[in-house]
Amino acid sequence: MCTACACGTAESASAQVETGGGSVYQVSGMTCGHCVSSVSGEIGKVGGVSDVQVDLATGAVTVSGAGFSDEEIRAAVDRAGYALVTPSPASAS
């Protein structure tokens, strides 16, 4: 059972996708597909975000778009019930 969100998911579901660029954030506490959905949904609501890709296995969240700030992403992750591990993003290669 997912202990992070208590959704009852018995096994982890990966949302790993090849990324072509963007800002990469490290998010802690995600353990299942529901967690991925919550985080990507909240980040997707941030103005200027055009795409969100989540790698559940590593906790890496790649955010594409323009005009959003690290603080807006941090707040979105907080609203989803998780936390950013890194203070600022790295560029995806």
C-alpha atoms as a PDB file:
ATOM      1  CA  MET A   1       0.000   0.000   0.000  1.00  0.00           C
ATOM      2  CA  CYS A   2       1.190   3.474  -0.795  1.00  0.00           C
ATOM      3  CA  THR A   3       2.221   5.080   2.477  1.00  0.00           C
ATOM      4  CA  ALA A   4       2.813   8.546   1.033  1.00  0.00           C
ATOM      5  CA  CYS A   5      -0.755   9.180  -0.102  1.00  0.00           C
ATOM      6  CA  ALA A   6      -2.630   6.169   1.384  1.00  0.00           C
ATOM      7  CA  CYS A   7      -4.360   5.538  -1.943  1.00  0.00           C
ATOM      8  CA  GLY A   8      -4.222   1.769  -1.551  1.00  0.00           C
ATOM      9  CA  THR A   9      -2.088   1.152  -4.618  1.00  0.00           C
ATOM     10  CA  ALA A  10      -0.355  -2.179  -4.144  1.00  0.00           C
ATOM     11  CA  GLU A  11       2.455  -1.709  -6.631  1.00  0.00           C
ATOM     12  CA  SER A  12       4.427   1.202  -8.015  1.00  0.00           C
ATOM     13  CA  ALA A  13       3.659   2.488 -11.487  1.00  0.00           C
ATOM     14  CA  SER A  14       6.410   4.228 -13.387  1.00  0.00           C
ATOM     15  CA  ALA A  15       5.827   7.380 -15.396  1.00  0.00           C
ATOM     16  CA  GLN A  16       9.334   7.509 -16.782  1.00  0.00           C
ATOM     17  CA  VAL A  17       9.503   9.352 -20.081  1.00  0.00           C
ATOM     18  CA  GLU A  18      12.395  10.496 -22.279  1.00  0.00           C
ATOM     19  CA  THR A  19      12.922  14.206 -21.805  1.00  0.00           C
ATOM     20  CA  GLY A  20      14.070  16.649 -24.415  1.00  0.00           C
ATOM     21  CA  GLY A  21      14.828  19.537 -22.095  1.00  0.00           C
ATOM     22  CA  GLY A  22      13.399  21.608 -19.288  1.00  0.00           C
ATOM     23  CA  SER A  23      14.076  22.150 -15.626  1.00  0.00           C
ATOM     24  CA  VAL A  24      14.612  19.019 -13.546  1.00  0.00           C
ATOM     25  CA  TYR A  25      13.499  19.020  -9.909  1.00  0.00           C
ATOM     26  CA  GLN A  26      13.970  16.251  -7.342  1.00  0.00           C
ATOM     27  CA  VAL A  27      10.779  15.407  -5.414  1.00  0.00           C
ATOM     28  CA  SER A  28      10.720  13.136  -2.363  1.00  0.00           C
ATOM     29  CA  GLY A  29       7.970  10.855  -1.112  1.00  0.00           C
ATOM     30  CA  MET A  30       6.374   9.640  -4.352  1.00  0.00           C
ATOM     31  CA  THR A  31       5.700   5.899  -4.242  1.00  0.00           C
ATOM     32  CA  CYS A  32       2.952   5.130  -6.785  1.00  0.00           C
ATOM     33  CA  GLY A  33       1.097   6.260  -9.876  1.00  0.00           C
ATOM     34  CA  HIS A  34      -1.367   8.272  -7.791  1.00  0.00           C
ATOM     35  CA  CYS A  35       1.551  10.226  -6.294  1.00  0.00           C
ATOM     36  CA  VAL A  36       2.857  10.932  -9.806  1.00  0.00           C
ATOM     37  CA  SER A  37      -0.582  12.097 -10.901  1.00  0.00           C
ATOM     38  CA  SER A  38      -0.954  14.422  -7.901  1.00  0.00           C
ATOM     39  CA  VAL A  39       2.443  16.049  -8.400  1.00  0.00           C
ATOM     40  CA  SER A  40       2.165  16.405 -12.177  1.00  0.00           C
ATOM     41  CA  GLY A  41      -1.390  17.732 -11.892  1.00  0.00           C
ATOM     42  CA  GLU A  42      -0.443  20.493  -9.450  1.00  0.00           C
ATOM     43  CA  ILE A  43       2.677  21.496 -11.374  1.00  0.00           C
ATOM     44  CA  GLY A  44       0.671  21.493 -14.604  1.00  0.00           C
ATOM     45  CA  LYS A  45      -1.588  24.216 -13.156  1.00  0.00           C
ATOM     46  CA  VAL A  46       1.350  26.643 -12.811  1.00  0.00           C
ATOM     47  CA  GLY A  47       1.240  29.410 -15.416  1.00  0.00           C
ATOM     48  CA  GLY A  48       3.819  28.957 -18.155  1.00  0.00           C
ATOM     49  CA  VAL A  49       4.241  25.204 -17.655  1.00  0.00           C
ATOM     50  CA  SER A  50       3.703  23.380 -20.940  1.00  0.00           C
ATOM     51  CA  ASP A  51       4.700  19.828 -19.953  1.00  0.00           C
ATOM     52  CA  VAL A  52       5.512  17.782 -16.839  1.00  0.00           C
ATOM     53  CA  GLN A  53       7.324  14.441 -16.951  1.00  0.00           C
ATOM     54  CA  VAL A  54       7.833  12.380 -13.789  1.00  0.00           C
ATOM     55  CA  ASP A  55      10.261   9.503 -13.237  1.00  0.00           C
ATOM     56  CA  LEU A  56       8.810   7.710 -10.228  1.00  0.00           C
ATOM     57  CA  ALA A  57      11.884   5.506  -9.748  1.00  0.00           C
ATOM     58  CA  THR A  58      14.263   8.437  -9.287  1.00  0.00           C
ATOM     59  CA  GLY A  59      11.884  11.176  -8.117  1.00  0.00           C
ATOM     60  CA  ALA A  60      13.002  13.404 -11.002  1.00  0.00           C
ATOM     61  CA  VAL A  61      10.354  15.815 -12.298  1.00  0.00           C
ATOM     62  CA  THR A  62      11.117  17.573 -15.581  1.00  0.00           C
ATOM     63  CA  VAL A  63       9.122  20.753 -16.160  1.00  0.00           C
ATOM     64  CA  SER A  64       9.027  22.380 -19.593  1.00  0.00           C
ATOM     65  CA  GLY A  65       7.740  25.812 -20.494  1.00  0.00           C
ATOM     66  CA  ALA A  66       8.616  29.420 -19.757  1.00  0.00           C
ATOM     67  CA  GLY A  67       7.695  32.127 -17.301  1.00  0.00           C
ATOM     68  CA  PHE A  68       7.417  30.031 -14.129  1.00  0.00           C
ATOM     69  CA  SER A  69       9.615  30.333 -11.058  1.00  0.00           C
ATOM     70  CA  ASP A  70      11.233  27.750  -8.806  1.00  0.00           C
ATOM     71  CA  GLU A  71       9.047  29.032  -5.963  1.00  0.00           C
ATOM     72  CA  GLU A  72       5.882  28.407  -7.998  1.00  0.00           C
ATOM     73  CA  ILE A  73       7.026  24.841  -8.643  1.00  0.00           C
ATOM     74  CA  ARG A  74       7.920  24.378  -4.959  1.00  0.00           C
ATOM     75  CA  ALA A  75       4.463  25.644  -3.926  1.00  0.00           C
ATOM     76  CA  ALA A  76       2.747  23.284  -6.394  1.00  0.00           C
ATOM     77  CA  VAL A  77       4.721  20.307  -5.069  1.00  0.00           C
ATOM     78  CA  ASP A  78       3.828  21.361  -1.503  1.00  0.00           C
ATOM     79  CA  ARG A  79       0.115  21.571  -2.434  1.00  0.00           C
ATOM     80  CA  ALA A  80       0.344  18.011  -3.755  1.00  0.00           C
ATOM     81  CA  GLY A  81       1.704  16.910  -0.371  1.00  0.00           C
ATOM     82  CA  TYR A  82       5.338  16.323  -1.320  1.00  0.00           C
ATOM     83  CA  ALA A  83       8.624  18.214  -1.025  1.00  0.00           C
ATOM     84  CA  LEU A  84      11.371  19.363  -3.348  1.00  0.00           C
ATOM     85  CA  VAL A  85      14.720  17.853  -2.406  1.00  0.00           C
ATOM     86  CA  THR A  86      16.850  20.216  -4.454  1.00  0.00           C
ATOM     87  CA  PRO A  87      16.734  23.968  -3.871  1.00  0.00           C
ATOM     88  CA  SER A  88      16.915  24.787  -7.582  1.00  0.00           C
ATOM     89  CA  PRO A  89      16.539  22.793 -10.781  1.00  0.00           C
ATOM     90  CA  ALA A  90      19.195  21.357 -13.027  1.00  0.00           C
ATOM     91  CA  SER A  91      18.891  21.605 -16.795  1.00  0.00           C
ATOM     92  CA  ALA A  92      17.866  18.463 -18.583  1.00  0.00           C
ATOM     93  CA  SER A  93      20.208  17.427 -21.338  1.00  0.00           C
END
